[in-house]
């Protein structure tokens, strides 16, 4: 007797296993960091195992033929799966980040008049870090002149919490060239993009820089910048400003984005 399959159950099983495999692959290779914050990894691991569990309980349905199976609806689910496999995650570009996509603390009127590089975040943010104001009881951390890719987020937070402690110091740091329409011709910011929850809420984080060589570098170029920090009032906001002594071409950071908390 010829065995008949439940094609609807088979289509569902394929989608479940494929989705779970995609999640496992992204988690094991670290590619998931291009899409969501690492603090969500536990939820994704749980989701992947849950999908496998549902797939396991779907297996008996394969041997129960169904009249008029509706397999077409599962082809729609296959489209995003194929897109995730065939279309790699692209690097964010400055033109893709607008004020409308930034957090409320960065879109206040005072910051629209100045720079999107925040010198203070006005309240506890979505990543669970309270950076509302410098803490007098915090001893500023010591950093070498060159800020490594891995140390950038820590250095950036410390700089904004205890900016006076770093005034007059020279640093060398890496970022992508970022500009706003309000910047002068000699102004730019080498930024790293911080992920709060997922790739849709990336925020540019960096230090306002001044250099006559700024015009030689295009938006999104990766550069090493060396310069001395000064604390200034820029369009109503107190912030560190880097007076650049040297700009060098840099290789992109191994990890595209930075993550302030786990």
C-alpha atoms as a PDB file:
ATOM      1  CA  UNK A   1       0.000   0.000   0.000  1.00  0.00           C
ATOM      2  CA  UNK A   2       1.375   3.337  -1.039  1.00  0.00           C
ATOM      3  CA  UNK A   3       2.119   5.613   1.915  1.00  0.00           C
ATOM      4  CA  UNK A   4       0.465   9.013   1.676  1.00  0.00           C
ATOM      5  CA  UNK A   5       1.971  12.022   3.358  1.00  0.00           C
ATOM      6  CA  UNK A   6       0.327  14.991   5.005  1.00  0.00           C
ATOM      7  CA  UNK A   7       1.943  17.628   2.816  1.00  0.00           C
ATOM      8  CA  UNK A   8       0.748  20.492   5.027  1.00  0.00           C
ATOM      9  CA  UNK A   9       2.450  18.954   8.056  1.00  0.00           C
ATOM     10  CA  UNK A  10       5.568  18.356   5.946  1.00  0.00           C
ATOM     11  CA  UNK A  11       5.681  22.021   4.873  1.00  0.00           C
ATOM     12  CA  UNK A  12       5.224  23.131   8.483  1.00  0.00           C
ATOM     13  CA  UNK A  13       7.982  20.774   9.640  1.00  0.00           C
ATOM     14  CA  UNK A  14      10.409  22.121   7.035  1.00  0.00           C
ATOM     15  CA  UNK A  15       9.730  25.744   8.029  1.00  0.00           C
ATOM     16  CA  UNK A  16      10.126  24.968  11.744  1.00  0.00           C
ATOM     17  CA  UNK A  17      13.417  23.106  11.293  1.00  0.00           C
ATOM     18  CA  UNK A  18      14.774  25.702   8.858  1.00  0.00           C
ATOM     19  CA  UNK A  19      13.966  28.563  11.236  1.00  0.00           C
ATOM     20  CA  UNK A  20      15.540  26.766  14.178  1.00  0.00           C
ATOM     21  CA  UNK A  21      18.641  25.962  12.095  1.00  0.00           C
ATOM     22  CA  UNK A  22      18.938  29.606  11.075  1.00  0.00           C
ATOM     23  CA  UNK A  23      18.776  30.747  14.694  1.00  0.00           C
ATOM     24  CA  UNK A  24      21.321  28.155  15.853  1.00  0.00           C
ATOM     25  CA  UNK A  25      23.701  29.110  13.043  1.00  0.00           C
ATOM     26  CA  UNK A  26      23.428  32.833  13.786  1.00  0.00           C
ATOM     27  CA  UNK A  27      24.006  32.250  17.499  1.00  0.00           C
ATOM     28  CA  UNK A  28      26.934  29.853  17.086  1.00  0.00           C
ATOM     29  CA  UNK A  29      28.732  32.007  14.503  1.00  0.00           C
ATOM     30  CA  UNK A  30      28.036  35.288  16.288  1.00  0.00           C
ATOM     31  CA  UNK A  31      26.249  36.686  13.219  1.00  0.00           C
ATOM     32  CA  UNK A  32      23.230  37.377  15.400  1.00  0.00           C
ATOM     33  CA  UNK A  33      25.103  40.402  16.809  1.00  0.00           C
ATOM     34  CA  UNK A  34      24.517  42.139  13.474  1.00  0.00           C
ATOM     35  CA  UNK A  35      20.789  42.079  14.105  1.00  0.00           C
ATOM     36  CA  UNK A  36      19.998  42.122  17.829  1.00  0.00           C
ATOM     37  CA  UNK A  37      21.667  43.017  21.123  1.00  0.00           C
ATOM     38  CA  UNK A  38      23.604  40.144  22.758  1.00  0.00           C
ATOM     39  CA  UNK A  39      21.440  40.390  25.878  1.00  0.00           C
ATOM     40  CA  UNK A  40      18.651  38.782  23.814  1.00  0.00           C
ATOM     41  CA  UNK A  41      20.711  35.668  23.052  1.00  0.00           C
ATOM     42  CA  UNK A  42      19.079  33.675  25.845  1.00  0.00           C
ATOM     43  CA  UNK A  43      15.639  34.360  24.398  1.00  0.00           C
ATOM     44  CA  UNK A  44      16.836  33.335  20.943  1.00  0.00           C
ATOM     45  CA  UNK A  45      18.354  30.075  22.230  1.00  0.00           C
ATOM     46  CA  UNK A  46      15.066  29.303  23.955  1.00  0.00           C
ATOM     47  CA  UNK A  47      13.101  30.116  20.790  1.00  0.00           C
ATOM     48  CA  UNK A  48      15.303  27.838  18.686  1.00  0.00           C
ATOM     49  CA  UNK A  49      14.832  24.876  21.038  1.00  0.00           C
ATOM     50  CA  UNK A  50      11.101  25.590  21.248  1.00  0.00           C
ATOM     51  CA  UNK A  51      10.836  25.464  17.459  1.00  0.00           C
ATOM     52  CA  UNK A  52      12.606  22.083  17.473  1.00  0.00           C
ATOM     53  CA  UNK A  53      10.182  20.868  20.124  1.00  0.00           C
ATOM     54  CA  UNK A  54       7.181  21.909  18.032  1.00  0.00           C
ATOM     55  CA  UNK A  55       8.777  20.244  15.015  1.00  0.00           C
ATOM     56  CA  UNK A  56       9.185  17.001  16.985  1.00  0.00           C
ATOM     57  CA  UNK A  57       5.495  16.912  17.893  1.00  0.00           C
ATOM     58  CA  UNK A  58       4.617  17.647  14.265  1.00  0.00           C
ATOM     59  CA  UNK A  59       6.256  14.433  13.013  1.00  0.00           C
ATOM     60  CA  UNK A  60       3.256  12.126  13.803  1.00  0.00           C
ATOM     61  CA  UNK A  61       1.042  14.351  11.649  1.00  0.00           C
ATOM     62  CA  UNK A  62       3.127  13.425   8.617  1.00  0.00           C
ATOM     63  CA  UNK A  63       1.499   9.992   8.602  1.00  0.00           C
ATOM     64  CA  UNK A  64      -2.056  11.283   8.876  1.00  0.00           C
ATOM     65  CA  UNK A  65      -3.102  12.324   5.358  1.00  0.00           C
ATOM     66  CA  UNK A  66      -5.244  15.443   5.248  1.00  0.00           C
ATOM     67  CA  UNK A  67      -7.958  16.205   2.769  1.00  0.00           C
ATOM     68  CA  UNK A  68      -7.288  19.451   0.883  1.00  0.00           C
ATOM     69  CA  UNK A  69      -4.004  20.316   2.578  1.00  0.00           C
ATOM     70  CA  UNK A  70      -3.154  24.029   2.576  1.00  0.00           C
ATOM     71  CA  UNK A  71       0.570  24.139   1.994  1.00  0.00           C
ATOM     72  CA  UNK A  72       0.654  27.443   0.135  1.00  0.00           C
ATOM     73  CA  UNK A  73       0.641  29.550   3.308  1.00  0.00           C
ATOM     74  CA  UNK A  74       4.006  28.103   4.309  1.00  0.00           C
ATOM     75  CA  UNK A  75       5.670  29.382   1.152  1.00  0.00           C
ATOM     76  CA  UNK A  76       5.133  32.920   2.460  1.00  0.00           C
ATOM     77  CA  UNK A  77       7.105  31.978   5.573  1.00  0.00           C
ATOM     78  CA  UNK A  78       9.880  30.606   3.407  1.00  0.00           C
ATOM     79  CA  UNK A  79      10.479  34.010   1.772  1.00  0.00           C
ATOM     80  CA  UNK A  80      12.008  35.735   4.840  1.00  0.00           C
ATOM     81  CA  UNK A  81      14.038  32.592   5.579  1.00  0.00           C
ATOM     82  CA  UNK A  82      15.559  32.660   2.115  1.00  0.00           C
ATOM     83  CA  UNK A  83      16.180  36.408   2.396  1.00  0.00           C
ATOM     84  CA  UNK A  84      18.034  35.914   5.671  1.00  0.00           C
ATOM     85  CA  UNK A  85      20.284  33.303   4.049  1.00  0.00           C
ATOM     86  CA  UNK A  86      20.872  35.010   0.705  1.00  0.00           C
ATOM     87  CA  UNK A  87      21.092  38.670   1.750  1.00  0.00           C
ATOM     88  CA  UNK A  88      23.976  39.383   4.136  1.00  0.00           C
ATOM     89  CA  UNK A  89      23.705  42.060   6.802  1.00  0.00           C
ATOM     90  CA  UNK A  90      25.109  45.299   5.416  1.00  0.00           C
ATOM     91  CA  UNK A  91      27.083  47.884   7.345  1.00  0.00           C
ATOM     92  CA  UNK A  92      25.045  50.858   8.474  1.00  0.00           C
ATOM     93  CA  UNK A  93      25.683  54.106   6.654  1.00  0.00           C
ATOM     94  CA  UNK A  94      25.370  57.591   8.099  1.00  0.00           C
ATOM     95  CA  UNK A  95      22.696  58.591   5.622  1.00  0.00           C
ATOM     96  CA  UNK A  96      20.517  55.773   6.978  1.00  0.00           C
ATOM     97  CA  UNK A  97      20.527  57.318  10.452  1.00  0.00           C
ATOM     98  CA  UNK A  98      18.180  60.250  10.797  1.00  0.00           C
ATOM     99  CA  UNK A  99      16.994  62.182  13.797  1.00  0.00           C
ATOM    100  CA  UNK A 100      13.664  60.405  13.553  1.00  0.00           C
ATOM    101  CA  UNK A 101      15.346  57.057  14.279  1.00  0.00           C
ATOM    102  CA  UNK A 102      17.248  58.180  17.355  1.00  0.00           C
ATOM    103  CA  UNK A 103      16.119  57.959  20.950  1.00  0.00           C
ATOM    104  CA  UNK A 104      14.070  60.830  22.445  1.00  0.00           C
ATOM    105  CA  UNK A 105      17.052  61.993  24.465  1.00  0.00           C
ATOM    106  CA  UNK A 106      18.911  62.704  21.227  1.00  0.00           C
ATOM    107  CA  UNK A 107      16.045  64.389  19.401  1.00  0.00           C
ATOM    108  CA  UNK A 108      15.348  67.122  21.908  1.00  0.00           C
ATOM    109  CA  UNK A 109      15.363  70.594  20.385  1.00  0.00           C
ATOM    110  CA  UNK A 110      18.651  71.456  22.034  1.00  0.00           C
ATOM    111  CA  UNK A 111      20.361  68.573  20.269  1.00  0.00           C
ATOM    112  CA  UNK A 112      18.753  69.286  16.929  1.00  0.00           C
ATOM    113  CA  UNK A 113      20.600  72.586  17.045  1.00  0.00           C
ATOM    114  CA  UNK A 114      23.907  70.906  17.772  1.00  0.00           C
ATOM    115  CA  UNK A 115      25.260  67.434  17.346  1.00  0.00           C
ATOM    116  CA  UNK A 116      23.707  64.000  17.541  1.00  0.00           C
ATOM    117  CA  UNK A 117      26.685  62.838  19.557  1.00  0.00           C
ATOM    118  CA  UNK A 118      25.222  62.868  23.090  1.00  0.00           C
ATOM    119  CA  UNK A 119      27.194  64.393  25.929  1.00  0.00           C
ATOM    120  CA  UNK A 120      24.530  63.352  28.445  1.00  0.00           C
ATOM    121  CA  UNK A 121      21.594  60.998  28.204  1.00  0.00           C
ATOM    122  CA  UNK A 122      18.915  62.548  30.326  1.00  0.00           C
ATOM    123  CA  UNK A 123      17.571  59.430  31.998  1.00  0.00           C
ATOM    124  CA  UNK A 124      18.034  55.701  32.387  1.00  0.00           C
ATOM    125  CA  UNK A 125      17.957  54.373  28.863  1.00  0.00           C
ATOM    126  CA  UNK A 126      16.711  51.156  27.308  1.00  0.00           C
ATOM    127  CA  UNK A 127      20.009  49.373  27.787  1.00  0.00           C
ATOM    128  CA  UNK A 128      19.783  49.552  31.560  1.00  0.00           C
ATOM    129  CA  UNK A 129      22.569  52.058  32.149  1.00  0.00           C
ATOM    130  CA  UNK A 130      21.951  55.233  34.092  1.00  0.00           C
ATOM    131  CA  UNK A 131      24.136  57.912  32.532  1.00  0.00           C
ATOM    132  CA  UNK A 132      22.000  60.854  33.601  1.00  0.00           C
ATOM    133  CA  UNK A 133      24.890  62.807  35.094  1.00  0.00           C
ATOM    134  CA  UNK A 134      28.535  62.443  36.145  1.00  0.00           C
ATOM    135  CA  UNK A 135      28.956  60.772  39.529  1.00  0.00           C
ATOM    136  CA  UNK A 136      31.303  62.451  41.899  1.00  0.00           C
ATOM    137  CA  UNK A 137      32.002  59.165  43.691  1.00  0.00           C
ATOM    138  CA  UNK A 138      33.185  57.457  40.504  1.00  0.00           C
ATOM    139  CA  UNK A 139      36.922  57.449  40.082  1.00  0.00           C
ATOM    140  CA  UNK A 140      37.716  58.103  36.417  1.00  0.00           C
ATOM    141  CA  UNK A 141      39.268  55.122  34.665  1.00  0.00           C
ATOM    142  CA  UNK A 142      42.710  55.294  33.165  1.00  0.00           C
ATOM    143  CA  UNK A 143      43.015  54.749  29.420  1.00  0.00           C
ATOM    144  CA  UNK A 144      46.097  54.559  27.235  1.00  0.00           C
ATOM    145  CA  UNK A 145      46.463  56.950  24.340  1.00  0.00           C
ATOM    146  CA  UNK A 146      45.154  54.416  21.805  1.00  0.00           C
ATOM    147  CA  UNK A 147      41.586  53.287  22.370  1.00  0.00           C
ATOM    148  CA  UNK A 148      41.094  49.776  21.024  1.00  0.00           C
ATOM    149  CA  UNK A 149      37.893  48.680  19.305  1.00  0.00           C
ATOM    150  CA  UNK A 150      36.955  46.629  22.356  1.00  0.00           C
ATOM    151  CA  UNK A 151      37.513  49.551  24.756  1.00  0.00           C
ATOM    152  CA  UNK A 152      35.618  52.164  22.740  1.00  0.00           C
ATOM    153  CA  UNK A 153      32.226  51.796  24.443  1.00  0.00           C
ATOM    154  CA  UNK A 154      33.777  51.873  27.930  1.00  0.00           C
ATOM    155  CA  UNK A 155      35.914  54.885  27.010  1.00  0.00           C
ATOM    156  CA  UNK A 156      32.930  56.672  25.481  1.00  0.00           C
ATOM    157  CA  UNK A 157      30.782  56.221  28.584  1.00  0.00           C
ATOM    158  CA  UNK A 158      33.570  57.254  30.931  1.00  0.00           C
ATOM    159  CA  UNK A 159      34.313  60.312  28.814  1.00  0.00           C
ATOM    160  CA  UNK A 160      30.719  61.493  29.100  1.00  0.00           C
ATOM    161  CA  UNK A 161      30.424  60.748  32.817  1.00  0.00           C
ATOM    162  CA  UNK A 162      33.724  62.314  33.839  1.00  0.00           C
ATOM    163  CA  UNK A 163      34.639  64.547  30.925  1.00  0.00           C
ATOM    164  CA  UNK A 164      36.581  67.063  33.048  1.00  0.00           C
ATOM    165  CA  UNK A 165      38.989  64.301  34.090  1.00  0.00           C
ATOM    166  CA  UNK A 166      40.005  63.747  30.468  1.00  0.00           C
ATOM    167  CA  UNK A 167      40.297  67.404  29.423  1.00  0.00           C
ATOM    168  CA  UNK A 168      43.697  68.125  27.898  1.00  0.00           C
ATOM    169  CA  UNK A 169      44.510  64.459  27.276  1.00  0.00           C
ATOM    170  CA  UNK A 170      45.438  63.107  23.863  1.00  0.00           C
ATOM    171  CA  UNK A 171      43.671  60.041  22.512  1.00  0.00           C
ATOM    172  CA  UNK A 172      43.777  57.990  19.338  1.00  0.00           C
ATOM    173  CA  UNK A 173      40.466  56.347  18.498  1.00  0.00           C
ATOM    174  CA  UNK A 174      38.690  54.778  15.544  1.00  0.00           C
ATOM    175  CA  UNK A 175      35.295  55.375  13.991  1.00  0.00           C
ATOM    176  CA  UNK A 176      33.268  56.006  10.864  1.00  0.00           C
ATOM    177  CA  UNK A 177      33.090  59.573   9.601  1.00  0.00           C
ATOM    178  CA  UNK A 178      29.701  61.061  10.478  1.00  0.00           C
ATOM    179  CA  UNK A 179      28.391  64.555   9.749  1.00  0.00           C
ATOM    180  CA  UNK A 180      25.255  66.573  10.316  1.00  0.00           C
ATOM    181  CA  UNK A 181      24.083  69.479   8.206  1.00  0.00           C
ATOM    182  CA  UNK A 182      24.810  71.824  11.112  1.00  0.00           C
ATOM    183  CA  UNK A 183      28.504  70.893  11.245  1.00  0.00           C
ATOM    184  CA  UNK A 184      31.081  73.367  10.017  1.00  0.00           C
ATOM    185  CA  UNK A 185      33.357  72.374   7.127  1.00  0.00           C
ATOM    186  CA  UNK A 186      36.138  71.461   9.536  1.00  0.00           C
ATOM    187  CA  UNK A 187      33.892  69.392  11.821  1.00  0.00           C
ATOM    188  CA  UNK A 188      33.032  65.706  11.794  1.00  0.00           C
ATOM    189  CA  UNK A 189      32.619  62.873  14.275  1.00  0.00           C
ATOM    190  CA  UNK A 190      34.274  59.448  14.071  1.00  0.00           C
ATOM    191  CA  UNK A 191      31.451  57.310  15.442  1.00  0.00           C
ATOM    192  CA  UNK A 192      30.680  53.763  16.402  1.00  0.00           C
ATOM    193  CA  UNK A 193      27.067  52.695  16.138  1.00  0.00           C
ATOM    194  CA  UNK A 194      25.586  51.491  19.417  1.00  0.00           C
ATOM    195  CA  UNK A 195      22.827  48.912  19.446  1.00  0.00           C
ATOM    196  CA  UNK A 196      20.178  49.357  22.133  1.00  0.00           C
ATOM    197  CA  UNK A 197      17.913  46.470  21.202  1.00  0.00           C
ATOM    198  CA  UNK A 198      18.206  45.683  17.490  1.00  0.00           C
ATOM    199  CA  UNK A 199      19.693  47.045  14.292  1.00  0.00           C
ATOM    200  CA  UNK A 200      16.669  49.311  13.785  1.00  0.00           C
ATOM    201  CA  UNK A 201      17.593  51.517  16.764  1.00  0.00           C
ATOM    202  CA  UNK A 202      21.305  52.088  16.120  1.00  0.00           C
ATOM    203  CA  UNK A 203      22.666  55.312  17.597  1.00  0.00           C
ATOM    204  CA  UNK A 204      25.876  57.065  16.480  1.00  0.00           C
ATOM    205  CA  UNK A 205      28.266  57.560  19.401  1.00  0.00           C
ATOM    206  CA  UNK A 206      31.422  59.578  19.060  1.00  0.00           C
ATOM    207  CA  UNK A 207      33.278  62.797  19.763  1.00  0.00           C
ATOM    208  CA  UNK A 208      32.979  66.022  17.807  1.00  0.00           C
ATOM    209  CA  UNK A 209      36.292  66.636  16.017  1.00  0.00           C
ATOM    210  CA  UNK A 210      37.786  69.700  14.358  1.00  0.00           C
ATOM    211  CA  UNK A 211      40.427  69.483  11.657  1.00  0.00           C
ATOM    212  CA  UNK A 212      41.297  71.276   8.426  1.00  0.00           C
ATOM    213  CA  UNK A 213      41.672  67.794   6.910  1.00  0.00           C
ATOM    214  CA  UNK A 214      38.032  66.919   7.552  1.00  0.00           C
ATOM    215  CA  UNK A 215      37.099  67.727   3.958  1.00  0.00           C
ATOM    216  CA  UNK A 216      39.438  64.975   2.727  1.00  0.00           C
ATOM    217  CA  UNK A 217      37.318  62.214   4.241  1.00  0.00           C
ATOM    218  CA  UNK A 218      33.917  61.022   3.084  1.00  0.00           C
ATOM    219  CA  UNK A 219      31.001  60.009   5.263  1.00  0.00           C
ATOM    220  CA  UNK A 220      31.279  56.392   6.439  1.00  0.00           C
ATOM    221  CA  UNK A 221      35.061  56.241   5.908  1.00  0.00           C
ATOM    222  CA  UNK A 222      36.807  54.356   8.717  1.00  0.00           C
ATOM    223  CA  UNK A 223      39.534  56.515  10.243  1.00  0.00           C
ATOM    224  CA  UNK A 224      41.950  56.638  13.139  1.00  0.00           C
ATOM    225  CA  UNK A 225      41.868  60.078  14.747  1.00  0.00           C
ATOM    226  CA  UNK A 226      44.537  61.431  17.104  1.00  0.00           C
ATOM    227  CA  UNK A 227      43.913  64.648  18.989  1.00  0.00           C
ATOM    228  CA  UNK A 228      43.640  66.537  22.264  1.00  0.00           C
ATOM    229  CA  UNK A 229      40.337  66.846  24.082  1.00  0.00           C
ATOM    230  CA  UNK A 230      38.912  70.127  25.297  1.00  0.00           C
ATOM    231  CA  UNK A 231      35.631  70.695  27.100  1.00  0.00           C
ATOM    232  CA  UNK A 232      33.569  73.341  25.354  1.00  0.00           C
ATOM    233  CA  UNK A 233      30.061  74.664  25.041  1.00  0.00           C
ATOM    234  CA  UNK A 234      28.864  73.806  21.556  1.00  0.00           C
ATOM    235  CA  UNK A 235      25.525  75.313  20.543  1.00  0.00           C
ATOM    236  CA  UNK A 236      24.310  75.302  24.126  1.00  0.00           C
ATOM    237  CA  UNK A 237      25.697  71.895  25.084  1.00  0.00           C
ATOM    238  CA  UNK A 238      28.791  71.162  27.175  1.00  0.00           C
ATOM    239  CA  UNK A 239      30.760  68.405  25.523  1.00  0.00           C
ATOM    240  CA  UNK A 240      34.268  67.141  24.760  1.00  0.00           C
ATOM    241  CA  UNK A 241      35.703  68.415  21.484  1.00  0.00           C
ATOM    242  CA  UNK A 242      38.750  66.805  19.898  1.00  0.00           C
ATOM    243  CA  UNK A 243      41.289  69.060  18.179  1.00  0.00           C
ATOM    244  CA  UNK A 244      42.807  66.673  15.674  1.00  0.00           C
ATOM    245  CA  UNK A 245      46.520  66.418  15.003  1.00  0.00           C
ATOM    246  CA  UNK A 246      46.379  63.388  12.720  1.00  0.00           C
ATOM    247  CA  UNK A 247      43.832  61.424  10.682  1.00  0.00           C
ATOM    248  CA  UNK A 248      44.680  58.028   9.227  1.00  0.00           C
ATOM    249  CA  UNK A 249      42.766  55.530   7.155  1.00  0.00           C
ATOM    250  CA  UNK A 250      41.586  52.594   9.259  1.00  0.00           C
ATOM    251  CA  UNK A 251      40.293  49.105   8.666  1.00  0.00           C
ATOM    252  CA  UNK A 252      36.696  48.491   9.732  1.00  0.00           C
ATOM    253  CA  UNK A 253      36.274  47.184  13.257  1.00  0.00           C
ATOM    254  CA  UNK A 254      35.929  43.405  13.459  1.00  0.00           C
ATOM    255  CA  UNK A 255      32.672  43.902  15.345  1.00  0.00           C
ATOM    256  CA  UNK A 256      30.441  46.348  13.472  1.00  0.00           C
ATOM    257  CA  UNK A 257      28.519  47.677  16.448  1.00  0.00           C
ATOM    258  CA  UNK A 258      29.074  48.398  20.126  1.00  0.00           C
ATOM    259  CA  UNK A 259      26.901  47.227  23.010  1.00  0.00           C
ATOM    260  CA  UNK A 260      26.827  49.124  26.274  1.00  0.00           C
ATOM    261  CA  UNK A 261      25.324  46.377  28.425  1.00  0.00           C
ATOM    262  CA  UNK A 262      24.625  42.646  28.380  1.00  0.00           C
END
